[in-house]
Amino acid sequence: MKVLGISGSMRKEGNTAQLIQVILGQCRDAGIQTEFISLAGKKILPCLGCGKCIEKKWCINETDDWGGIAEKMLACEVLVIGSPTYYYDVNGHLKNFIDRTYSLFHDRKLSGRKGIAVAVHASAGAERTVKTIEGFLNAHEFASLGSVTGIGTDEGDIMNDAKAIAQAKKTGDKIVRLLLPHHD
């Protein structure tokens, strides 16, 4: 798969998921293969900090949904990853997911991919949420394709944020130009 979208929101079809889907929709419309994963309903345990992944080259905790999603990340060219803003940062579920990627860090298994950070906030804090996601992307040596932020509280509010929707479509078009360089 070329473009993978991951929403860290606990709302399966919440504002973060919808904003990511706008980006993916631009790619699909151009014929690019995409996949969307919501972490809502997924079991993502925290990193144990055991360090055993250094030798194993993979997280030793294989009792949850993290490994299957990590495999999809390894198979993508572009990762669009987003979170709602909880107390001026990513939500805990996405943070657990990110922390577990430490097991991929040692051999730079994610290096060379492109990444986009997506954040939705009610009134403030999306910038810090983006910085946390960009920190994850930078640590794993993704090349940044930018970020998209929007405003929304109740499910569907994001679709009324014209600036965020325009930014998401523009970002999707950037991915299309990258993956299909002769696309008009």
Protein backbone atom coordinates (compact mmCIF):
# COMPACT_ATOMS: atom_id res chain seq x y z
CA MET A 1 0.00 0.00 0.00
CA LYS A 2 1.23 3.46 -0.77
CA VAL A 3 -0.56 5.77 1.71
CA LEU A 4 -1.58 4.72 5.21
CA GLY A 5 -3.76 6.88 7.42
CA ILE A 6 -3.84 6.25 11.17
CA SER A 7 -6.25 8.07 13.44
CA GLY A 8 -5.38 7.92 17.13
CA SER A 9 -8.81 9.17 18.14
CA MET A 10 -11.02 7.02 20.31
CA ARG A 11 -13.90 8.10 18.07
CA LYS A 12 -13.82 5.76 15.10
CA GLU A 13 -15.36 8.33 12.76
CA GLY A 14 -14.50 11.45 14.71
CA ASN A 15 -13.00 14.70 13.50
CA THR A 16 -9.42 13.41 13.32
CA ALA A 17 -10.51 10.40 11.27
CA GLN A 18 -12.57 12.61 8.97
CA LEU A 19 -9.70 15.04 8.37
CA ILE A 20 -7.33 12.17 7.57
CA GLN A 21 -9.95 10.71 5.23
CA VAL A 22 -10.07 14.00 3.28
CA ILE A 23 -6.32 13.65 2.61
CA LEU A 24 -6.68 9.98 1.67
CA GLY A 25 -9.66 10.81 -0.56
CA GLN A 26 -7.50 13.09 -2.71
CA CYS A 27 -5.07 10.20 -3.14
CA ARG A 28 -7.77 7.64 -3.94
CA ASP A 29 -9.35 9.99 -6.49
CA ALA A 30 -5.98 10.05 -8.29
CA GLY A 31 -5.77 6.25 -8.28
CA ILE A 32 -3.31 5.87 -5.40
CA GLN A 33 -3.80 2.92 -3.07
CA THR A 34 -4.70 3.95 0.47
CA GLU A 35 -5.66 2.31 3.73
CA PHE A 36 -7.19 3.85 6.83
CA ILE A 37 -6.84 2.50 10.37
CA SER A 38 -8.64 3.87 13.38
CA LEU A 39 -7.10 3.04 16.73
CA ALA A 40 -10.58 3.28 18.26
CA GLY A 41 -11.47 -0.10 19.65
CA LYS A 42 -7.92 -1.37 19.19
CA LYS A 43 -5.92 -2.68 22.11
CA ILE A 44 -2.61 -0.80 22.22
CA LEU A 45 -0.68 -1.48 25.41
CA PRO A 46 2.01 0.93 26.65
CA CYS A 47 5.72 0.36 26.14
CA LEU A 48 7.15 -1.61 29.05
CA GLY A 49 10.53 0.10 28.81
CA CYS A 50 12.16 -3.32 29.06
CA GLY A 51 14.66 -2.76 26.24
CA LYS A 52 14.25 -6.32 24.99
CA CYS A 53 13.27 -4.95 21.59
CA ILE A 54 16.87 -3.87 21.04
CA GLU A 55 17.90 -7.50 20.66
CA LYS A 56 14.64 -8.86 19.25
CA LYS A 57 14.25 -6.02 16.70
CA TRP A 58 10.50 -5.99 17.41
CA CYS A 59 8.34 -5.27 20.42
CA ILE A 60 8.19 -8.31 22.69
CA ASN A 61 4.58 -7.58 23.65
CA GLU A 62 2.55 -9.39 21.02
CA THR A 63 -0.74 -9.62 22.92
CA ASP A 64 -2.42 -6.59 21.36
CA ASP A 65 -3.13 -4.92 18.00
CA TRP A 66 0.11 -2.91 17.72
CA GLY A 67 2.10 -5.43 15.65
CA GLY A 68 -0.42 -5.70 12.81
CA ILE A 69 -0.63 -1.94 12.49
CA ALA A 70 3.16 -1.59 12.68
CA GLU A 71 3.46 -4.09 9.79
CA LYS A 72 1.19 -1.85 7.70
CA MET A 73 3.37 1.15 8.56
CA LEU A 74 6.41 -0.74 7.35
CA ALA A 75 4.62 -1.39 4.04
CA CYS A 76 3.58 2.20 3.29
CA GLU A 77 5.37 4.96 1.42
CA VAL A 78 3.47 7.81 3.07
CA LEU A 79 2.06 7.83 6.60
CA VAL A 80 -0.70 10.27 7.54
CA ILE A 81 -1.01 10.08 11.32
CA GLY A 82 -3.26 12.15 13.51
CA SER A 83 -4.62 12.75 16.97
CA PRO A 84 -7.24 14.82 18.69
CA THR A 85 -5.71 17.29 21.11
CA TYR A 86 -6.07 16.26 24.76
CA TYR A 87 -4.62 18.76 27.22
CA TYR A 88 -2.44 20.38 24.55
CA ASP A 89 -0.94 17.16 23.19
CA VAL A 90 -1.68 13.81 21.52
CA ASN A 91 -4.13 11.53 23.27
CA GLY A 92 -2.82 8.64 25.36
CA HIS A 93 -3.83 5.88 22.95
CA LEU A 94 -1.76 7.34 20.11
CA LYS A 95 1.10 8.02 22.54
CA ASN A 96 1.12 4.33 23.49
CA PHE A 97 1.27 3.46 19.79
CA ILE A 98 4.13 5.89 19.17
CA ASP A 99 6.10 4.74 22.22
CA ARG A 100 5.95 1.14 21.04
CA THR A 101 7.69 2.11 17.78
CA TYR A 102 10.89 2.34 19.81
CA SER A 103 11.28 -1.29 18.81
CA LEU A 104 11.59 -0.15 15.17
CA PHE A 105 13.96 2.69 15.95
CA HIS A 106 17.17 0.73 16.54
CA ASP A 107 17.50 -0.43 12.93
CA ARG A 108 15.74 2.63 11.47
CA LYS A 109 13.04 0.36 10.03
CA LEU A 110 10.74 3.31 9.22
CA SER A 111 13.43 5.52 7.71
CA GLY A 112 12.89 6.92 4.22
CA ARG A 113 9.10 7.19 4.30
CA LYS A 114 7.16 10.43 4.07
CA GLY A 115 4.95 11.62 6.91
CA ILE A 116 2.14 14.06 7.60
CA ALA A 117 0.98 15.10 11.07
CA VAL A 118 -2.73 15.80 11.61
CA ALA A 119 -4.22 17.40 14.74
CA VAL A 120 -7.70 18.53 15.69
CA HIS A 121 -8.43 20.74 18.68
CA ALA A 122 -11.49 22.35 20.24
CA SER A 123 -9.94 25.77 20.71
CA ALA A 124 -6.16 25.51 21.27
CA GLY A 125 -3.21 23.14 21.40
CA ALA A 126 -3.06 21.61 17.93
CA GLU A 127 0.40 23.07 17.35
CA ARG A 128 1.84 21.09 20.26
CA THR A 129 0.01 17.96 19.14
CA VAL A 130 1.61 18.38 15.72
CA LYS A 131 5.04 18.87 17.33
CA THR A 132 4.69 15.58 19.22
CA ILE A 133 3.72 13.72 16.05
CA GLU A 134 6.50 15.43 14.11
CA GLY A 135 8.94 14.39 16.86
CA PHE A 136 7.91 10.78 16.26
CA LEU A 137 8.29 11.21 12.48
CA ASN A 138 11.67 12.95 12.81
CA ALA A 139 13.05 10.35 15.22
CA HIS A 140 12.22 7.64 12.69
CA GLU A 141 13.73 9.67 9.82
CA PHE A 142 10.53 10.29 7.89
CA ALA A 143 10.66 13.17 5.42
CA SER A 144 7.95 15.63 6.44
CA LEU A 145 5.26 16.59 3.96
CA GLY A 146 3.81 19.07 6.43
CA SER A 147 0.89 19.11 8.79
CA VAL A 148 -2.84 19.74 8.84
CA THR A 149 -4.75 21.19 11.78
CA GLY A 150 -8.41 21.85 12.32
CA ILE A 151 -11.07 22.83 14.80
CA GLY A 152 -13.80 20.51 15.98
CA THR A 153 -15.39 19.20 19.14
CA ASP A 154 -18.52 17.27 18.24
CA GLU A 155 -18.24 14.53 15.62
CA GLY A 156 -18.44 16.10 12.16
CA ASP A 157 -17.52 19.64 13.24
CA ILE A 158 -14.28 19.43 11.26
CA MET A 159 -16.20 19.38 8.00
CA ASN A 160 -17.31 22.97 8.80
CA ASP A 161 -13.68 24.14 9.11
CA ALA A 162 -13.17 25.32 5.54
CA LYS A 163 -9.52 26.21 6.16
CA ALA A 164 -8.71 22.72 7.51
CA ILE A 165 -10.52 20.98 4.65
CA ALA A 166 -8.70 23.11 2.08
CA GLN A 167 -5.37 22.40 3.81
CA ALA A 168 -6.15 18.66 3.85
CA LYS A 169 -7.02 18.63 0.14
CA LYS A 170 -3.87 20.57 -0.69
CA THR A 171 -1.81 18.07 1.34
CA GLY A 172 -3.49 15.17 -0.45
CA ASP A 173 -2.61 16.81 -3.77
CA LYS A 174 1.01 17.11 -2.61
CA ILE A 175 1.08 13.35 -1.98
CA VAL A 176 -0.37 12.75 -5.45
CA ARG A 177 2.33 14.90 -7.06
CA LEU A 178 4.98 13.01 -5.12
CA LEU A 179 3.71 9.53 -5.98
CA LEU A 180 2.44 10.32 -9.48
CA PRO A 181 4.86 13.02 -10.65
CA HIS A 182 3.24 13.40 -14.08
CA HIS A 183 -0.25 13.86 -12.63
CA ASP A 184 -1.90 17.15 -13.58
